[in-house]
Amino acid sequence: MSKSLKTFQRAHATELARRLAEPRRFIQVVAGARQVGRIKLVQQVTGTTRLPVRYASADEPTLRGVEWIAQQWEPARLAAADAGKVLADATV
């Protein structure tokens, strides 16, 4: 792989990094069409931070309910608390 491909930074990386640096009150969602680089964007940004990260794919059509979001939120909240970050309870 060429060096230029390794260092390519996606356009939304700066915005995602800025949002992740804010005090946590909300879940950050990266959405977009298939095969546009969502996972690579998240990996690129979270690979340079010490923040706790929980990644969950919601591509499966059956994962649309409020229960699924709550199931993702609780472990993320606990991981952040363990890392000394504060995540407020969210109403979903």
Protein backbone atom coordinates (compact mmCIF):
# COMPACT_ATOMS: atom_id res chain seq x y z
CA MET A 1 0.00 0.00 0.00
CA SER A 2 1.36 3.41 -0.88
CA LYS A 3 2.14 5.99 1.78
CA SER A 4 -0.46 8.41 0.36
CA LEU A 5 -3.24 5.86 0.92
CA LYS A 6 -2.15 5.29 4.51
CA THR A 7 -2.24 8.99 5.37
CA PHE A 8 -5.47 9.90 3.57
CA GLN A 9 -7.86 11.56 6.02
CA ARG A 10 -11.56 11.53 5.30
CA ALA A 11 -13.29 14.91 5.12
CA HIS A 12 -15.52 14.31 8.14
CA ALA A 13 -12.69 13.19 10.42
CA THR A 14 -12.12 16.67 11.85
CA GLU A 15 -15.81 17.13 12.70
CA LEU A 16 -16.10 13.69 14.30
CA ALA A 17 -12.95 14.28 16.35
CA ARG A 18 -14.32 17.64 17.51
CA ARG A 19 -17.59 16.07 18.59
CA LEU A 20 -15.87 13.24 20.41
CA ALA A 21 -13.77 15.77 22.32
CA GLU A 22 -16.91 17.47 23.69
CA PRO A 23 -18.27 16.46 27.11
CA ARG A 24 -20.33 13.33 26.55
CA ARG A 25 -24.06 13.70 26.73
CA PHE A 26 -25.12 11.98 23.54
CA ILE A 27 -24.25 9.01 21.42
CA GLN A 28 -22.45 9.93 18.22
CA VAL A 29 -23.93 8.24 15.17
CA VAL A 30 -22.10 7.96 11.87
CA ALA A 31 -24.60 7.23 9.12
CA GLY A 32 -24.34 6.91 5.38
CA ALA A 33 -24.78 4.66 2.41
CA ARG A 34 -23.07 1.31 2.21
CA GLN A 35 -19.41 1.20 1.20
CA VAL A 36 -18.68 4.91 1.70
CA GLY A 37 -16.08 4.53 4.47
CA ARG A 38 -18.04 4.94 7.72
CA ILE A 39 -16.07 2.27 9.56
CA LYS A 40 -12.72 3.54 8.27
CA LEU A 41 -13.64 7.08 9.33
CA VAL A 42 -14.48 5.95 12.86
CA GLN A 43 -11.35 3.80 13.08
CA GLN A 44 -9.21 6.66 11.81
CA VAL A 45 -10.53 9.12 14.39
CA THR A 46 -10.77 6.79 17.38
CA GLY A 47 -7.33 5.36 16.68
CA THR A 48 -5.79 8.68 17.67
CA THR A 49 -7.73 9.23 20.90
CA ARG A 50 -7.61 7.80 24.39
CA LEU A 51 -11.36 8.02 24.76
CA PRO A 52 -13.25 4.80 25.41
CA VAL A 53 -15.00 3.75 22.24
CA ARG A 54 -17.90 1.39 21.67
CA TYR A 55 -18.67 0.57 18.09
CA ALA A 56 -21.93 -1.12 17.13
CA SER A 57 -23.20 -1.64 13.62
CA ALA A 58 -26.87 -0.91 13.06
CA ASP A 59 -26.92 -2.16 9.48
CA GLU A 60 -29.19 -5.05 10.39
CA PRO A 61 -32.79 -3.96 9.66
CA THR A 62 -34.12 -5.65 12.80
CA LEU A 63 -31.97 -3.40 15.01
CA ARG A 64 -34.15 -0.34 14.83
CA GLY A 65 -35.87 -0.35 18.20
CA VAL A 66 -35.33 1.77 21.26
CA GLU A 67 -34.33 -1.34 23.20
CA TRP A 68 -31.32 -1.89 20.95
CA ILE A 69 -30.13 1.68 21.46
CA ALA A 70 -30.48 1.30 25.23
CA GLN A 71 -28.49 -1.95 25.07
CA GLN A 72 -25.67 -0.08 23.35
CA TRP A 73 -25.84 2.95 25.64
CA GLU A 74 -25.42 1.19 28.97
CA PRO A 75 -22.07 -0.53 28.23
CA ALA A 76 -20.80 2.69 26.64
CA ARG A 77 -21.80 4.67 29.73
CA LEU A 78 -20.07 2.18 32.03
CA ALA A 79 -16.89 2.16 29.93
CA ALA A 80 -16.78 5.95 29.98
CA ALA A 81 -17.31 6.02 33.74
CA ASP A 82 -14.47 3.53 34.20
CA ALA A 83 -12.25 5.76 32.09
CA GLY A 84 -13.15 8.83 34.17
CA LYS A 85 -15.37 10.41 31.54
CA VAL A 86 -18.95 11.41 32.28
CA LEU A 87 -21.87 10.22 30.20
CA ALA A 88 -25.24 11.48 31.30
CA ASP A 89 -28.25 9.22 31.20
CA ALA A 90 -30.08 9.70 27.95
CA THR A 91 -33.75 9.52 27.26
CA VAL A 92 -34.18 7.46 24.14
